[in-house]
C-alpha atoms as a PDB file:
ATOM      1  CA  UNK A   1    -166.704 -43.062-104.425  1.00  0.00           C
ATOM      2  CA  UNK A   2    -163.110 -43.267-103.141  1.00  0.00           C
ATOM      3  CA  UNK A   3    -160.301 -43.301-105.742  1.00  0.00           C
ATOM      4  CA  UNK A   4    -156.811 -44.564-104.869  1.00  0.00           C
ATOM      5  CA  UNK A   5    -153.374 -44.690-106.494  1.00  0.00           C
ATOM      6  CA  UNK A   6    -150.222 -46.558-105.544  1.00  0.00           C
ATOM      7  CA  UNK A   7    -146.758 -47.198-106.920  1.00  0.00           C
ATOM      8  CA  UNK A   8    -143.474 -48.574-105.700  1.00  0.00           C
ATOM      9  CA  UNK A   9    -140.789 -51.207-105.805  1.00  0.00           C
ATOM     10  CA  UNK A  10    -140.046 -54.242-103.714  1.00  0.00           C
ATOM     11  CA  UNK A  11    -138.127 -57.465-103.445  1.00  0.00           C
ATOM     12  CA  UNK A  12    -139.125 -59.964-106.079  1.00  0.00           C
ATOM     13  CA  UNK A  13    -137.548 -63.291-106.807  1.00  0.00           C
ATOM     14  CA  UNK A  14    -138.260 -65.475-109.803  1.00  0.00           C
ATOM     15  CA  UNK A  15    -137.982 -69.062-110.924  1.00  0.00           C
ATOM     16  CA  UNK A  16    -137.547 -69.437-114.683  1.00  0.00           C
ATOM     17  CA  UNK A  17    -137.265 -72.713-116.561  1.00  0.00           C
ATOM     18  CA  UNK A  18    -135.366 -72.560-119.826  1.00  0.00           C
ATOM     19  CA  UNK A  19    -134.807 -75.061-122.601  1.00  0.00           C
ATOM     20  CA  UNK A  20    -131.588 -74.835-124.604  1.00  0.00           C
ATOM     21  CA  UNK A  21    -131.528 -76.572-127.990  1.00  0.00           C
ATOM     22  CA  UNK A  22    -128.192 -77.018-129.770  1.00  0.00           C
ATOM     23  CA  UNK A  23    -128.356 -79.216-132.837  1.00  0.00           C
ATOM     24  CA  UNK A  24    -129.797 -82.547-131.709  1.00  0.00           C
ATOM     25  CA  UNK A  25    -129.167 -81.923-127.992  1.00  0.00           C
ATOM     26  CA  UNK A  26    -131.727 -80.385-125.617  1.00  0.00           C
ATOM     27  CA  UNK A  27    -130.888 -79.200-122.106  1.00  0.00           C
ATOM     28  CA  UNK A  28    -133.470 -78.021-119.584  1.00  0.00           C
ATOM     29  CA  UNK A  29    -132.434 -75.833-116.666  1.00  0.00           C
ATOM     30  CA  UNK A  30    -134.112 -73.931-113.878  1.00  0.00           C
ATOM     31  CA  UNK A  31    -132.887 -70.485-112.836  1.00  0.00           C
ATOM     32  CA  UNK A  32    -133.634 -68.830-109.500  1.00  0.00           C
ATOM     33  CA  UNK A  33    -132.777 -65.218-108.959  1.00  0.00           C
ATOM     34  CA  UNK A  34    -133.585 -61.755-107.743  1.00  0.00           C
ATOM     35  CA  UNK A  35    -135.441 -59.413-110.076  1.00  0.00           C
ATOM     36  CA  UNK A  36    -133.505 -56.240-110.864  1.00  0.00           C
ATOM     37  CA  UNK A  37    -135.354 -52.927-110.287  1.00  0.00           C
ATOM     38  CA  UNK A  38    -139.014 -54.004-110.177  1.00  0.00           C
ATOM     39  CA  UNK A  39    -141.726 -51.359-110.456  1.00  0.00           C
ATOM     40  CA  UNK A  40    -145.491 -51.411-110.097  1.00  0.00           C
ATOM     41  CA  UNK A  41    -148.424 -49.061-110.128  1.00  0.00           C
ATOM     42  CA  UNK A  42    -151.991 -49.565-109.065  1.00  0.00           C
ATOM     43  CA  UNK A  43    -155.058 -47.403-109.336  1.00  0.00           C
ATOM     44  CA  UNK A  44    -158.733 -47.912-108.801  1.00  0.00           C
ATOM     45  CA  UNK A  45    -161.906 -46.870-107.061  1.00  0.00           C
ATOM     46  CA  UNK A  46    -163.973 -48.139-104.119  1.00  0.00           C
ATOM     47  CA  UNK A  47    -167.727 -47.622-104.247  1.00  0.00           C
ATOM     48  CA  UNK A  48    -169.360 -48.174-100.821  1.00  0.00           C
ATOM     49  CA  UNK A  49    -172.927 -49.506-100.640  1.00  0.00           C
ATOM     50  CA  UNK A  50    -174.206 -49.727 -97.007  1.00  0.00           C
ATOM     51  CA  UNK A  51    -171.350 -51.756 -95.501  1.00  0.00           C
ATOM     52  CA  UNK A  52    -170.660 -53.650 -98.700  1.00  0.00           C
ATOM     53  CA  UNK A  53    -168.975 -52.241-101.734  1.00  0.00           C
ATOM     54  CA  UNK A  54    -167.554 -52.676-105.184  1.00  0.00           C
ATOM     55  CA  UNK A  55    -163.870 -52.273-105.976  1.00  0.00           C
ATOM     56  CA  UNK A  56    -162.408 -51.698-109.433  1.00  0.00           C
ATOM     57  CA  UNK A  57    -158.620 -51.912-109.738  1.00  0.00           C
ATOM     58  CA  UNK A  58    -155.941 -52.006-112.419  1.00  0.00           C
ATOM     59  CA  UNK A  59    -152.341 -52.944-111.622  1.00  0.00           C
ATOM     60  CA  UNK A  60    -149.187 -53.112-113.736  1.00  0.00           C
ATOM     61  CA  UNK A  61    -145.925 -54.840-112.749  1.00  0.00           C
ATOM     62  CA  UNK A  62    -142.639 -54.546-114.619  1.00  0.00           C
ATOM     63  CA  UNK A  63    -139.636 -56.631-113.584  1.00  0.00           C
ATOM     64  CA  UNK A  64    -136.584 -57.505-115.660  1.00  0.00           C
ATOM     65  CA  UNK A  65    -134.781 -60.728-114.783  1.00  0.00           C
ATOM     66  CA  UNK A  66    -131.209 -61.209-116.051  1.00  0.00           C
ATOM     67  CA  UNK A  67    -130.737 -64.637-117.678  1.00  0.00           C
ATOM     68  CA  UNK A  68    -126.981 -65.095-117.736  1.00  0.00           C
ATOM     69  CA  UNK A  69    -127.003 -68.152-120.052  1.00  0.00           C
ATOM     70  CA  UNK A  70    -128.751 -66.084-122.729  1.00  0.00           C
ATOM     71  CA  UNK A  71    -126.845 -62.889-121.812  1.00  0.00           C
ATOM     72  CA  UNK A  72    -130.034 -60.813-122.015  1.00  0.00           C
ATOM     73  CA  UNK A  73    -132.881 -59.669-119.733  1.00  0.00           C
ATOM     74  CA  UNK A  74    -136.206 -61.473-119.568  1.00  0.00           C
ATOM     75  CA  UNK A  75    -139.163 -59.132-119.084  1.00  0.00           C
ATOM     76  CA  UNK A  76    -141.584 -60.358-116.432  1.00  0.00           C
ATOM     77  CA  UNK A  77    -144.837 -58.738-115.407  1.00  0.00           C
ATOM     78  CA  UNK A  78    -148.030 -57.567-116.997  1.00  0.00           C
ATOM     79  CA  UNK A  79    -151.343 -55.844-116.398  1.00  0.00           C
ATOM     80  CA  UNK A  80    -154.264 -57.124-114.349  1.00  0.00           C
ATOM     81  CA  UNK A  81    -157.776 -55.716-113.867  1.00  0.00           C
ATOM     82  CA  UNK A  82    -159.918 -56.603-110.828  1.00  0.00           C
ATOM     83  CA  UNK A  83    -163.617 -56.186-110.251  1.00  0.00           C
ATOM     84  CA  UNK A  84    -164.701 -57.352-106.824  1.00  0.00           C
ATOM     85  CA  UNK A  85    -166.815 -56.960-103.718  1.00  0.00           C
ATOM     86  CA  UNK A  86    -165.662 -55.974-100.255  1.00  0.00           C
ATOM     87  CA  UNK A  87    -167.190 -55.868 -96.804  1.00  0.00           C
ATOM     88  CA  UNK A  88    -166.409 -52.857 -94.650  1.00  0.00           C
ATOM     89  CA  UNK A  89    -166.581 -53.165 -90.876  1.00  0.00           C
END
C-alpha cells in the first residue's frame, strides 16, 4: 500500500453566467475571469496487485471568484472522491 498527499495552488480561470432580475426586467450576462488565490489538497492510497492496482483518492478545491456586478465573491470548488483501477508498467 502506497499513501500519497498533495496540495498547492495554480492558475484557474472561470466562466460564470449570471441572471440579474430587477422588477420586470431580466438581464443575463457571462463573466470570464481569473480565480483569486485557489487552493487544493489531495490524498489517497495506491494498492498494487501484480501489475494492476486500485487507487482511492479524495480531493478538495477552493477558489473564490470576484463577481464585480454583485460586489461579492462567489465560492467555487468542492470535494471529489475517486475509486479506480490503474495499470503499472
